[in-house]
């Protein structure tokens, strides 16, 4: 952990993706006043941004999969995003329960002393 109490590599600023409300006909209005070349440039820019967002999301899911107790063998299929989230949720619950049990045992051992 770093001096700020965050894990290593977490020094970079985290900006969560927030979905904006879509204005009615907003993208169509933007396209109406543009010629074909400008429309293609705008479309390519939007597609590039979405592709980058999806790559980042997939990279984070892969990082999450690496933290989970699941066989990562080359011949096994990769877990779906839904299964990854479900397994992560169950794993966190399991670790919380194990932590609580150890805390109880520690308190009992300290009470005997």
PDB file of N, CA and C in Angstrom:
ATOM      1  N   UNK A   1       0.834  -1.186   0.000  1.00  0.00           N
ATOM      2  CA  UNK A   1       0.000   0.000   0.000  1.00  0.00           C
ATOM      3  C   UNK A   1       0.871   1.238   0.000  1.00  0.00           C
ATOM      4  N   UNK A   2       0.386   2.253  -0.622  1.00  0.00           N
ATOM      5  CA  UNK A   2       1.131   3.505  -0.664  1.00  0.00           C
ATOM      6  C   UNK A   2       0.897   4.292   0.615  1.00  0.00           C
ATOM      7  N   UNK A   3       1.574   5.431   0.722  1.00  0.00           N
ATOM      8  CA  UNK A   3       1.460   6.246   1.930  1.00  0.00           C
ATOM      9  C   UNK A   3       0.056   6.797   2.122  1.00  0.00           C
ATOM     10  N   UNK A   4      -0.746   6.823   1.059  1.00  0.00           N
ATOM     11  CA  UNK A   4      -2.108   7.339   1.190  1.00  0.00           C
ATOM     12  C   UNK A   4      -3.091   6.254   1.614  1.00  0.00           C
ATOM     13  N   UNK A   5      -2.585   5.007   1.763  1.00  0.00           N
ATOM     14  CA  UNK A   5      -3.458   3.919   2.185  1.00  0.00           C
ATOM     15  C   UNK A   5      -4.125   3.204   1.028  1.00  0.00           C
ATOM     16  N   UNK A   6      -3.772   3.562  -0.197  1.00  0.00           N
ATOM     17  CA  UNK A   6      -4.349   2.898  -1.354  1.00  0.00           C
ATOM     18  C   UNK A   6      -3.363   1.871  -1.883  1.00  0.00           C
ATOM     19  N   UNK A   7      -3.856   0.847  -2.581  1.00  0.00           N
ATOM     20  CA  UNK A   7      -2.957  -0.179  -3.093  1.00  0.00           C
ATOM     21  C   UNK A   7      -2.003   0.391  -4.144  1.00  0.00           C
ATOM     22  N   UNK A   8      -0.875  -0.294  -4.364  1.00  0.00           N
ATOM     23  CA  UNK A   8       0.078   0.185  -5.366  1.00  0.00           C
ATOM     24  C   UNK A   8      -0.594   0.264  -6.732  1.00  0.00           C
ATOM     25  N   UNK A   9      -0.219   1.246  -7.508  1.00  0.00           N
ATOM     26  CA  UNK A   9      -0.795   1.413  -8.831  1.00  0.00           C
ATOM     27  C   UNK A   9      -2.102   2.180  -8.824  1.00  0.00           C
ATOM     28  N   UNK A  10      -2.607   2.521  -7.639  1.00  0.00           N
ATOM     29  CA  UNK A  10      -3.879   3.224  -7.537  1.00  0.00           C
ATOM     30  C   UNK A  10      -3.682   4.728  -7.444  1.00  0.00           C
ATOM     31  N   UNK A  11      -2.440   5.191  -7.683  1.00  0.00           N
ATOM     32  CA  UNK A  11      -2.167   6.613  -7.587  1.00  0.00           C
ATOM     33  C   UNK A  11      -2.875   7.397  -8.688  1.00  0.00           C
ATOM     34  N   UNK A  12      -3.130   6.717  -9.832  1.00  0.00           N
ATOM     35  CA  UNK A  12      -3.794   7.419 -10.917  1.00  0.00           C
ATOM     36  C   UNK A  12      -5.226   7.740 -10.524  1.00  0.00           C
ATOM     37  N   UNK A  13      -5.714   8.825 -11.021  1.00  0.00           N
ATOM     38  CA  UNK A  13      -7.043   9.287 -10.664  1.00  0.00           C
ATOM     39  C   UNK A  13      -8.100   8.378 -11.270  1.00  0.00           C
ATOM     40  N   UNK A  14      -9.071   7.971 -10.482  1.00  0.00           N
ATOM     41  CA  UNK A  14     -10.137   7.080 -10.936  1.00  0.00           C
ATOM     42  C   UNK A  14     -11.344   7.908 -11.316  1.00  0.00           C
ATOM     43  N   UNK A  15     -11.778   7.768 -12.543  1.00  0.00           N
ATOM     44  CA  UNK A  15     -12.956   8.486 -13.003  1.00  0.00           C
ATOM     45  C   UNK A  15     -13.962   7.467 -13.515  1.00  0.00           C
ATOM     46  N   UNK A  16     -15.012   7.183 -12.733  1.00  0.00           N
ATOM     47  CA  UNK A  16     -15.969   6.162 -13.163  1.00  0.00           C
ATOM     48  C   UNK A  16     -16.745   6.614 -14.390  1.00  0.00           C
ATOM     49  N   UNK A  17     -17.149   5.645 -15.171  1.00  0.00           N
ATOM     50  CA  UNK A  17     -17.949   5.948 -16.351  1.00  0.00           C
ATOM     51  C   UNK A  17     -19.359   6.277 -15.899  1.00  0.00           C
ATOM     52  N   UNK A  18     -19.861   7.410 -16.303  1.00  0.00           N
ATOM     53  CA  UNK A  18     -21.224   7.810 -15.975  1.00  0.00           C
ATOM     54  C   UNK A  18     -21.977   7.984 -17.280  1.00  0.00           C
ATOM     55  N   UNK A  19     -23.041   7.262 -17.416  1.00  0.00           N
ATOM     56  CA  UNK A  19     -23.816   7.331 -18.649  1.00  0.00           C
ATOM     57  C   UNK A  19     -24.617   8.618 -18.671  1.00  0.00           C
ATOM     58  N   UNK A  20     -24.479   9.362 -19.737  1.00  0.00           N
ATOM     59  CA  UNK A  20     -25.215  10.611 -19.864  1.00  0.00           C
ATOM     60  C   UNK A  20     -26.606  10.333 -20.400  1.00  0.00           C
ATOM     61  N   UNK A  21     -27.555  11.169 -19.970  1.00  0.00           N
ATOM     62  CA  UNK A  21     -28.902  11.054 -20.522  1.00  0.00           C
ATOM     63  C   UNK A  21     -28.866  11.487 -21.970  1.00  0.00           C
ATOM     64  N   UNK A  22     -29.546  10.758 -22.788  1.00  0.00           N
ATOM     65  CA  UNK A  22     -29.563  11.053 -24.215  1.00  0.00           C
ATOM     66  C   UNK A  22     -30.661  12.065 -24.514  1.00  0.00           C
ATOM     67  N   UNK A  23     -30.282  13.139 -25.114  1.00  0.00           N
ATOM     68  CA  UNK A  23     -31.278  14.125 -25.528  1.00  0.00           C
ATOM     69  C   UNK A  23     -32.019  13.559 -26.727  1.00  0.00           C
ATOM     70  N   UNK A  24     -33.272  13.860 -26.814  1.00  0.00           N
ATOM     71  CA  UNK A  24     -34.067  13.308 -27.912  1.00  0.00           C
ATOM     72  C   UNK A  24     -33.522  13.798 -29.242  1.00  0.00           C
ATOM     73  N   UNK A  25     -33.128  12.848 -30.063  1.00  0.00           N
ATOM     74  CA  UNK A  25     -32.614  13.178 -31.382  1.00  0.00           C
ATOM     75  C   UNK A  25     -31.292  13.916 -31.351  1.00  0.00           C
ATOM     76  N   UNK A  26     -30.572  13.852 -30.239  1.00  0.00           N
ATOM     77  CA  UNK A  26     -29.343  14.620 -30.077  1.00  0.00           C
ATOM     78  C   UNK A  26     -28.284  14.309 -31.100  1.00  0.00           C
ATOM     79  N   UNK A  27     -27.989  13.026 -31.324  1.00  0.00           N
ATOM     80  CA  UNK A  27     -26.923  12.702 -32.268  1.00  0.00           C
ATOM     81  C   UNK A  27     -27.363  12.969 -33.703  1.00  0.00           C
ATOM     82  N   UNK A  28     -28.623  12.807 -33.976  1.00  0.00           N
ATOM     83  CA  UNK A  28     -29.132  13.091 -35.327  1.00  0.00           C
ATOM     84  C   UNK A  28     -29.018  14.587 -35.637  1.00  0.00           C
ATOM     85  N   UNK A  29     -29.310  15.434 -34.634  1.00  0.00           N
ATOM     86  CA  UNK A  29     -29.203  16.878 -34.839  1.00  0.00           C
ATOM     87  C   UNK A  29     -27.764  17.271 -35.129  1.00  0.00           C
ATOM     88  N   UNK A  30     -26.812  16.648 -34.408  1.00  0.00           N
ATOM     89  CA  UNK A  30     -25.406  16.950 -34.627  1.00  0.00           C
ATOM     90  C   UNK A  30     -25.003  16.600 -36.056  1.00  0.00           C
ATOM     91  N   UNK A  31     -25.539  15.503 -36.554  1.00  0.00           N
ATOM     92  CA  UNK A  31     -25.164  15.028 -37.879  1.00  0.00           C
ATOM     93  C   UNK A  31     -25.806  15.851 -39.000  1.00  0.00           C
ATOM     94  N   UNK A  32     -26.959  16.458 -38.749  1.00  0.00           N
ATOM     95  CA  UNK A  32     -27.699  17.141 -39.817  1.00  0.00           C
ATOM     96  C   UNK A  32     -26.917  18.286 -40.452  1.00  0.00           C
ATOM     97  N   UNK A  33     -26.202  19.060 -39.656  1.00  0.00           N
ATOM     98  CA  UNK A  33     -25.511  20.224 -40.186  1.00  0.00           C
ATOM     99  C   UNK A  33     -24.135  19.912 -40.751  1.00  0.00           C
ATOM    100  N   UNK A  34     -23.759  18.627 -40.809  1.00  0.00           N
ATOM    101  CA  UNK A  34     -22.417  18.256 -41.248  1.00  0.00           C
ATOM    102  C   UNK A  34     -22.446  17.632 -42.638  1.00  0.00           C
ATOM    103  N   UNK A  35     -21.361  17.826 -43.367  1.00  0.00           N
ATOM    104  CA  UNK A  35     -21.267  17.140 -44.657  1.00  0.00           C
ATOM    105  C   UNK A  35     -20.848  15.688 -44.421  1.00  0.00           C
ATOM    106  N   UNK A  36     -20.801  14.897 -45.455  1.00  0.00           N
ATOM    107  CA  UNK A  36     -20.547  13.463 -45.317  1.00  0.00           C
ATOM    108  C   UNK A  36     -19.196  13.167 -44.679  1.00  0.00           C
ATOM    109  N   UNK A  37     -18.171  13.908 -45.061  1.00  0.00           N
ATOM    110  CA  UNK A  37     -16.839  13.694 -44.492  1.00  0.00           C
ATOM    111  C   UNK A  37     -16.829  14.013 -42.996  1.00  0.00           C
ATOM    112  N   UNK A  38     -17.470  15.106 -42.608  1.00  0.00           N
ATOM    113  CA  UNK A  38     -17.536  15.474 -41.183  1.00  0.00           C
ATOM    114  C   UNK A  38     -18.352  14.454 -40.399  1.00  0.00           C
ATOM    115  N   UNK A  39     -19.428  13.937 -40.999  1.00  0.00           N
ATOM    116  CA  UNK A  39     -20.227  12.903 -40.343  1.00  0.00           C
ATOM    117  C   UNK A  39     -19.390  11.653 -40.099  1.00  0.00           C
ATOM    118  N   UNK A  40     -18.602  11.270 -41.097  1.00  0.00           N
ATOM    119  CA  UNK A  40     -17.745  10.092 -40.947  1.00  0.00           C
ATOM    120  C   UNK A  40     -16.702  10.305 -39.859  1.00  0.00           C
ATOM    121  N   UNK A  41     -16.123  11.511 -39.811  1.00  0.00           N
ATOM    122  CA  UNK A  41     -15.132  11.811 -38.776  1.00  0.00           C
ATOM    123  C   UNK A  41     -15.768  11.749 -37.388  1.00  0.00           C
ATOM    124  N   UNK A  42     -16.973  12.331 -37.244  1.00  0.00           N
ATOM    125  CA  UNK A  42     -17.665  12.311 -35.960  1.00  0.00           C
ATOM    126  C   UNK A  42     -18.011  10.879 -35.565  1.00  0.00           C
ATOM    127  N   UNK A  43     -18.526  10.111 -36.518  1.00  0.00           N
ATOM    128  CA  UNK A  43     -18.891   8.716 -36.253  1.00  0.00           C
ATOM    129  C   UNK A  43     -17.665   7.910 -35.854  1.00  0.00           C
ATOM    130  N   UNK A  44     -16.554   8.102 -36.555  1.00  0.00           N
ATOM    131  CA  UNK A  44     -15.313   7.384 -36.221  1.00  0.00           C
ATOM    132  C   UNK A  44     -14.816   7.762 -34.836  1.00  0.00           C
ATOM    133  N   UNK A  45     -14.942   9.036 -34.478  1.00  0.00           N
ATOM    134  CA  UNK A  45     -14.528   9.494 -33.156  1.00  0.00           C
ATOM    135  C   UNK A  45     -15.377   8.852 -32.062  1.00  0.00           C
ATOM    136  N   UNK A  46     -16.679   8.832 -32.296  1.00  0.00           N
ATOM    137  CA  UNK A  46     -17.594   8.225 -31.320  1.00  0.00           C
ATOM    138  C   UNK A  46     -17.324   6.730 -31.195  1.00  0.00           C
ATOM    139  N   UNK A  47     -17.136   6.064 -32.335  1.00  0.00           N
ATOM    140  CA  UNK A  47     -16.858   4.627 -32.316  1.00  0.00           C
ATOM    141  C   UNK A  47     -15.540   4.321 -31.607  1.00  0.00           C
ATOM    142  N   UNK A  48     -14.545   5.157 -31.848  1.00  0.00           N
ATOM    143  CA  UNK A  48     -13.248   4.966 -31.213  1.00  0.00           C
ATOM    144  C   UNK A  48     -13.346   5.108 -29.697  1.00  0.00           C
ATOM    145  N   UNK A  49     -14.087   6.116 -29.251  1.00  0.00           N
ATOM    146  CA  UNK A  49     -14.279   6.330 -27.812  1.00  0.00           C
ATOM    147  C   UNK A  49     -14.983   5.137 -27.178  1.00  0.00           C
ATOM    148  N   UNK A  50     -16.018   4.626 -27.839  1.00  0.00           N
ATOM    149  CA  UNK A  50     -16.763   3.475 -27.310  1.00  0.00           C
ATOM    150  C   UNK A  50     -15.893   2.222 -27.307  1.00  0.00           C
ATOM    151  N   UNK A  51     -15.104   2.037 -28.353  1.00  0.00           N
ATOM    152  CA  UNK A  51     -14.214   0.880 -28.424  1.00  0.00           C
ATOM    153  C   UNK A  51     -13.194   0.927 -27.290  1.00  0.00           C
ATOM    154  N   UNK A  52     -12.621   2.121 -27.041  1.00  0.00           N
ATOM    155  CA  UNK A  52     -11.651   2.279 -25.950  1.00  0.00           C
ATOM    156  C   UNK A  52     -12.309   1.999 -24.598  1.00  0.00           C
ATOM    157  N   UNK A  53     -13.538   2.492 -24.409  1.00  0.00           N
ATOM    158  CA  UNK A  53     -14.263   2.258 -23.161  1.00  0.00           C
ATOM    159  C   UNK A  53     -14.496   0.763 -22.947  1.00  0.00           C
ATOM    160  N   UNK A  54     -14.895   0.065 -24.011  1.00  0.00           N
ATOM    161  CA  UNK A  54     -15.148  -1.371 -23.885  1.00  0.00           C
ATOM    162  C   UNK A  54     -13.857  -2.149 -23.632  1.00  0.00           C
ATOM    163  N   UNK A  55     -12.748  -1.740 -24.260  1.00  0.00           N
ATOM    164  CA  UNK A  55     -11.467  -2.402 -23.999  1.00  0.00           C
ATOM    165  C   UNK A  55     -11.055  -2.215 -22.542  1.00  0.00           C
ATOM    166  N   UNK A  56     -11.237  -1.003 -22.021  1.00  0.00           N
ATOM    167  CA  UNK A  56     -10.903  -0.739 -20.619  1.00  0.00           C
ATOM    168  C   UNK A  56     -11.773  -1.570 -19.688  1.00  0.00           C
ATOM    169  N   UNK A  57     -13.057  -1.662 -19.995  1.00  0.00           N
ATOM    170  CA  UNK A  57     -13.972  -2.467 -19.185  1.00  0.00           C
ATOM    171  C   UNK A  57     -13.564  -3.936 -19.217  1.00  0.00           C
ATOM    172  N   UNK A  58     -13.251  -4.449 -20.396  1.00  0.00           N
ATOM    173  CA  UNK A  58     -12.827  -5.848 -20.515  1.00  0.00           C
ATOM    174  C   UNK A  58     -11.509  -6.103 -19.790  1.00  0.00           C
ATOM    175  N   UNK A  59     -10.596  -5.146 -19.825  1.00  0.00           N
ATOM    176  CA  UNK A  59      -9.334  -5.284 -19.084  1.00  0.00           C
ATOM    177  C   UNK A  59      -9.591  -5.370 -17.583  1.00  0.00           C
ATOM    178  N   UNK A  60     -10.522  -4.567 -17.098  1.00  0.00           N
ATOM    179  CA  UNK A  60     -10.845  -4.597 -15.662  1.00  0.00           C
ATOM    180  C   UNK A  60     -11.518  -5.912 -15.274  1.00  0.00           C
ATOM    181  N   UNK A  61     -12.369  -6.447 -16.136  1.00  0.00           N
ATOM    182  CA  UNK A  61     -12.970  -7.753 -15.861  1.00  0.00           C
ATOM    183  C   UNK A  61     -11.888  -8.828 -15.821  1.00  0.00           C
ATOM    184  N   UNK A  62     -10.908  -8.728 -16.713  1.00  0.00           N
ATOM    185  CA  UNK A  62      -9.818  -9.704 -16.720  1.00  0.00           C
ATOM    186  C   UNK A  62      -9.016  -9.603 -15.422  1.00  0.00           C
ATOM    187  N   UNK A  63      -8.776  -8.382 -14.949  1.00  0.00           N
ATOM    188  CA  UNK A  63      -8.074  -8.198 -13.669  1.00  0.00           C
ATOM    189  C   UNK A  63      -8.869  -8.807 -12.522  1.00  0.00           C
ATOM    190  N   UNK A  64     -10.180  -8.635 -12.557  1.00  0.00           N
ATOM    191  CA  UNK A  64     -11.038  -9.216 -11.523  1.00  0.00           C
ATOM    192  C   UNK A  64     -10.977 -10.735 -11.573  1.00  0.00           C
ATOM    193  N   UNK A  65     -11.023 -11.312 -12.778  1.00  0.00           N
ATOM    194  CA  UNK A  65     -10.955 -12.773 -12.917  1.00  0.00           C
ATOM    195  C   UNK A  65      -9.665 -13.323 -12.322  1.00  0.00           C
ATOM    196  N   UNK A  66      -8.561 -12.578 -12.466  1.00  0.00           N
ATOM    197  CA  UNK A  66      -7.277 -13.030 -11.937  1.00  0.00           C
ATOM    198  C   UNK A  66      -7.257 -13.055 -10.415  1.00  0.00           C
ATOM    199  N   UNK A  67      -8.131 -12.289  -9.769  1.00  0.00           N
ATOM    200  CA  UNK A  67      -8.184 -12.240  -8.302  1.00  0.00           C
ATOM    201  C   UNK A  67      -9.058 -13.335  -7.713  1.00  0.00           C
ATOM    202  N   UNK A  68      -9.828 -13.997  -8.543  1.00  0.00           N
ATOM    203  CA  UNK A  68     -10.818 -14.951  -8.051  1.00  0.00           C
ATOM    204  C   UNK A  68     -10.262 -16.372  -8.039  1.00  0.00           C
ATOM    205  N   UNK A  69     -10.751 -17.201  -7.096  1.00  0.00           N
ATOM    206  CA  UNK A  69     -10.309 -18.593  -7.019  1.00  0.00           C
ATOM    207  C   UNK A  69     -11.000 -19.422  -8.101  1.00  0.00           C
ATOM    208  N   UNK A  70     -10.474 -19.343  -9.290  1.00  0.00           N
ATOM    209  CA  UNK A  70     -11.074 -20.007 -10.440  1.00  0.00           C
ATOM    210  C   UNK A  70      -9.935 -20.480 -11.324  1.00  0.00           C
ATOM    211  N   UNK A  71     -10.048 -21.702 -11.853  1.00  0.00           N
ATOM    212  CA  UNK A  71      -8.942 -22.202 -12.686  1.00  0.00           C
ATOM    213  C   UNK A  71      -8.755 -21.362 -13.945  1.00  0.00           C
ATOM    214  N   UNK A  72      -7.558 -20.834 -14.123  1.00  0.00           N
ATOM    215  CA  UNK A  72      -7.244 -20.018 -15.298  1.00  0.00           C
ATOM    216  C   UNK A  72      -6.394 -20.808 -16.283  1.00  0.00           C
ATOM    217  N   UNK A  73      -6.745 -22.059 -16.462  1.00  0.00           N
ATOM    218  CA  UNK A  73      -5.966 -22.905 -17.364  1.00  0.00           C
ATOM    219  C   UNK A  73      -6.200 -22.480 -18.805  1.00  0.00           C
ATOM    220  N   UNK A  74      -5.216 -22.726 -19.629  1.00  0.00           N
ATOM    221  CA  UNK A  74      -5.292 -22.310 -21.028  1.00  0.00           C
ATOM    222  C   UNK A  74      -6.432 -23.003 -21.770  1.00  0.00           C
ATOM    223  N   UNK A  75      -6.772 -24.223 -21.376  1.00  0.00           N
ATOM    224  CA  UNK A  75      -7.806 -24.962 -22.107  1.00  0.00           C
ATOM    225  C   UNK A  75      -9.214 -24.739 -21.534  1.00  0.00           C
ATOM    226  N   UNK A  76      -9.332 -23.960 -20.457  1.00  0.00           N
ATOM    227  CA  UNK A  76     -10.661 -23.703 -19.891  1.00  0.00           C
ATOM    228  C   UNK A  76     -11.254 -22.439 -20.505  1.00  0.00           C
ATOM    229  N   UNK A  77     -12.565 -22.404 -20.576  1.00  0.00           N
ATOM    230  CA  UNK A  77     -13.242 -21.237 -21.155  1.00  0.00           C
ATOM    231  C   UNK A  77     -13.216 -20.079 -20.168  1.00  0.00           C
ATOM    232  N   UNK A  78     -13.173 -18.884 -20.702  1.00  0.00           N
ATOM    233  CA  UNK A  78     -13.189 -17.694 -19.866  1.00  0.00           C
ATOM    234  C   UNK A  78     -14.605 -17.501 -19.330  1.00  0.00           C
ATOM    235  N   UNK A  79     -14.707 -17.074 -18.074  1.00  0.00           N
ATOM    236  CA  UNK A  79     -16.015 -16.820 -17.468  1.00  0.00           C
ATOM    237  C   UNK A  79     -16.673 -15.622 -18.129  1.00  0.00           C
ATOM    238  N   UNK A  80     -17.988 -15.655 -18.190  1.00  0.00           N
ATOM    239  CA  UNK A  80     -18.730 -14.506 -18.705  1.00  0.00           C
ATOM    240  C   UNK A  80     -18.650 -13.369 -17.684  1.00  0.00           C
ATOM    241  N   UNK A  81     -19.029 -12.180 -18.110  1.00  0.00           N
ATOM    242  CA  UNK A  81     -19.015 -11.029 -17.209  1.00  0.00           C
ATOM    243  C   UNK A  81     -19.995 -11.248 -16.057  1.00  0.00           C
ATOM    244  N   UNK A  82     -21.170 -11.778 -16.364  1.00  0.00           N
ATOM    245  CA  UNK A  82     -22.167 -12.025 -15.318  1.00  0.00           C
ATOM    246  C   UNK A  82     -21.647 -13.039 -14.311  1.00  0.00           C
ATOM    247  N   UNK A  83     -21.048 -14.125 -14.793  1.00  0.00           N
ATOM    248  CA  UNK A  83     -20.493 -15.137 -13.888  1.00  0.00           C
ATOM    249  C   UNK A  83     -19.330 -14.579 -13.082  1.00  0.00           C
ATOM    250  N   UNK A  84     -18.535 -13.726 -13.703  1.00  0.00           N
ATOM    251  CA  UNK A  84     -17.415 -13.102 -12.988  1.00  0.00           C
ATOM    252  C   UNK A  84     -17.928 -12.266 -11.823  1.00  0.00           C
ATOM    253  N   UNK A  85     -18.955 -11.458 -12.061  1.00  0.00           N
ATOM    254  CA  UNK A  85     -19.519 -10.623 -10.992  1.00  0.00           C
ATOM    255  C   UNK A  85     -20.158 -11.475  -9.902  1.00  0.00           C
ATOM    256  N   UNK A  86     -20.844 -12.541 -10.300  1.00  0.00           N
ATOM    257  CA  UNK A  86     -21.483 -13.431  -9.320  1.00  0.00           C
ATOM    258  C   UNK A  86     -20.428 -14.119  -8.459  1.00  0.00           C
ATOM    259  N   UNK A  87     -19.386 -14.649  -9.097  1.00  0.00           N
ATOM    260  CA  UNK A  87     -18.329 -15.313  -8.342  1.00  0.00           C
ATOM    261  C   UNK A  87     -17.608 -14.315  -7.437  1.00  0.00           C
ATOM    262  N   UNK A  88     -17.358 -13.109  -7.924  1.00  0.00           N
ATOM    263  CA  UNK A  88     -16.688 -12.089  -7.107  1.00  0.00           C
ATOM    264  C   UNK A  88     -17.537 -11.742  -5.887  1.00  0.00           C
ATOM    265  N   UNK A  89     -18.837 -11.594  -6.091  1.00  0.00           N
ATOM    266  CA  UNK A  89     -19.732 -11.285  -4.977  1.00  0.00           C
ATOM    267  C   UNK A  89     -19.722 -12.398  -3.943  1.00  0.00           C
ATOM    268  N   UNK A  90     -19.812 -13.641  -4.398  1.00  0.00           N
ATOM    269  CA  UNK A  90     -19.792 -14.786  -3.474  1.00  0.00           C
ATOM    270  C   UNK A  90     -18.447 -14.913  -2.769  1.00  0.00           C
ATOM    271  N   UNK A  91     -17.357 -14.642  -3.478  1.00  0.00           N
ATOM    272  CA  UNK A  91     -16.030 -14.723  -2.887  1.00  0.00           C
ATOM    273  C   UNK A  91     -15.857 -13.660  -1.803  1.00  0.00           C
ATOM    274  N   UNK A  92     -16.356 -12.465  -2.043  1.00  0.00           N
ATOM    275  CA  UNK A  92     -16.286 -11.395  -1.037  1.00  0.00           C
ATOM    276  C   UNK A  92     -17.090 -11.787   0.200  1.00  0.00           C
ATOM    277  N   UNK A  93     -18.275 -12.355   0.013  1.00  0.00           N
ATOM    278  CA  UNK A  93     -19.087 -12.817   1.151  1.00  0.00           C
ATOM    279  C   UNK A  93     -18.342 -13.894   1.930  1.00  0.00           C
ATOM    280  N   UNK A  94     -17.733 -14.836   1.200  1.00  0.00           N
ATOM    281  CA  UNK A  94     -16.977 -15.911   1.852  1.00  0.00           C
ATOM    282  C   UNK A  94     -15.827 -15.333   2.683  1.00  0.00           C
ATOM    283  N   UNK A  95     -15.074 -14.399   2.106  1.00  0.00           N
ATOM    284  CA  UNK A  95     -13.951 -13.792   2.824  1.00  0.00           C
ATOM    285  C   UNK A  95     -14.427 -12.991   4.033  1.00  0.00           C
ATOM    286  N   UNK A  96     -15.562 -12.319   3.904  1.00  0.00           N
ATOM    287  CA  UNK A  96     -16.117 -11.567   5.034  1.00  0.00           C
ATOM    288  C   UNK A  96     -16.504 -12.503   6.172  1.00  0.00           C
ATOM    289  N   UNK A  97     -17.137 -13.620   5.819  1.00  0.00           N
ATOM    290  CA  UNK A  97     -17.517 -14.599   6.842  1.00  0.00           C
ATOM    291  C   UNK A  97     -16.284 -15.203   7.504  1.00  0.00           C
ATOM    292  N   UNK A  98     -15.272 -15.540   6.719  1.00  0.00           N
ATOM    293  CA  UNK A  98     -14.038 -16.100   7.276  1.00  0.00           C
ATOM    294  C   UNK A  98     -13.353 -15.080   8.186  1.00  0.00           C
ATOM    295  N   UNK A  99     -13.351 -13.819   7.776  1.00  0.00           N
ATOM    296  CA  UNK A  99     -12.759 -12.760   8.595  1.00  0.00           C
ATOM    297  C   UNK A  99     -13.508 -12.622   9.919  1.00  0.00           C
ATOM    298  N   UNK A 100     -14.839 -12.645   9.855  1.00  0.00           N
ATOM    299  CA  UNK A 100     -15.646 -12.533  11.065  1.00  0.00           C
ATOM    300  C   UNK A 100     -15.363 -13.705  12.010  1.00  0.00           C
ATOM    301  N   UNK A 101     -15.266 -14.903  11.442  1.00  0.00           N
ATOM    302  CA  UNK A 101     -14.987 -16.084  12.261  1.00  0.00           C
ATOM    303  C   UNK A 101     -13.617 -15.963  12.929  1.00  0.00           C
ATOM    304  N   UNK A 102     -12.613 -15.513  12.206  1.00  0.00           N
ATOM    305  CA  UNK A 102     -11.284 -15.347  12.784  1.00  0.00           C
ATOM    306  C   UNK A 102     -11.270 -14.265  13.866  1.00  0.00           C
ATOM    307  N   UNK A 103     -12.031 -13.191  13.658  1.00  0.00           N
ATOM    308  CA  UNK A 103     -12.135 -12.135  14.673  1.00  0.00           C
ATOM    309  C   UNK A 103     -12.735 -12.691  15.958  1.00  0.00           C
ATOM    310  N   UNK A 104     -13.758 -13.536  15.808  1.00  0.00           N
ATOM    311  CA  UNK A 104     -14.398 -14.157  16.991  1.00  0.00           C
ATOM    312  C   UNK A 104     -13.404 -15.054  17.724  1.00  0.00           C
ATOM    313  N   UNK A 105     -12.617 -15.830  16.974  1.00  0.00           N
ATOM    314  CA  UNK A 105     -11.630 -16.711  17.584  1.00  0.00           C
ATOM    315  C   UNK A 105     -10.549 -15.900  18.279  1.00  0.00           C
ATOM    316  N   UNK A 106     -10.135 -14.820  17.675  1.00  0.00           N
ATOM    317  CA  UNK A 106      -9.115 -13.955  18.267  1.00  0.00           C
ATOM    318  C   UNK A 106      -9.643 -13.323  19.559  1.00  0.00           C
ATOM    319  N   UNK A 107     -10.864 -12.848  19.542  1.00  0.00           N
ATOM    320  CA  UNK A 107     -11.465 -12.263  20.748  1.00  0.00           C
ATOM    321  C   UNK A 107     -11.580 -13.305  21.856  1.00  0.00           C
ATOM    322  N   UNK A 108     -11.949 -14.534  21.478  1.00  0.00           N
ATOM    323  CA  UNK A 108     -12.047 -15.603  22.479  1.00  0.00           C
ATOM    324  C   UNK A 108     -10.682 -15.926  23.059  1.00  0.00           C
ATOM    325  N   UNK A 109      -9.642 -15.968  22.209  1.00  0.00           N
ATOM    326  CA  UNK A 109      -8.283 -16.258  22.685  1.00  0.00           C
ATOM    327  C   UNK A 109      -7.775 -15.135  23.574  1.00  0.00           C
ATOM    328  N   UNK A 110      -8.073 -13.891  23.229  1.00  0.00           N
ATOM    329  CA  UNK A 110      -7.643 -12.758  24.059  1.00  0.00           C
ATOM    330  C   UNK A 110      -8.378 -12.736  25.395  1.00  0.00           C
ATOM    331  N   UNK A 111      -9.610 -13.210  25.416  1.00  0.00           N
ATOM    332  CA  UNK A 111     -10.381 -13.247  26.658  1.00  0.00           C
ATOM    333  C   UNK A 111      -9.822 -14.262  27.631  1.00  0.00           C
ATOM    334  N   UNK A 112      -9.210 -15.340  27.119  1.00  0.00           N
ATOM    335  CA  UNK A 112      -8.614 -16.367  27.965  1.00  0.00           C
ATOM    336  C   UNK A 112      -7.328 -15.888  28.617  1.00  0.00           C
ATOM    337  N   UNK A 113      -6.670 -14.941  27.988  1.00  0.00           N
ATOM    338  CA  UNK A 113      -5.366 -14.465  28.482  1.00  0.00           C
ATOM    339  C   UNK A 113      -5.558 -13.512  29.598  1.00  0.00           C
TER     340      UNK A 113
END
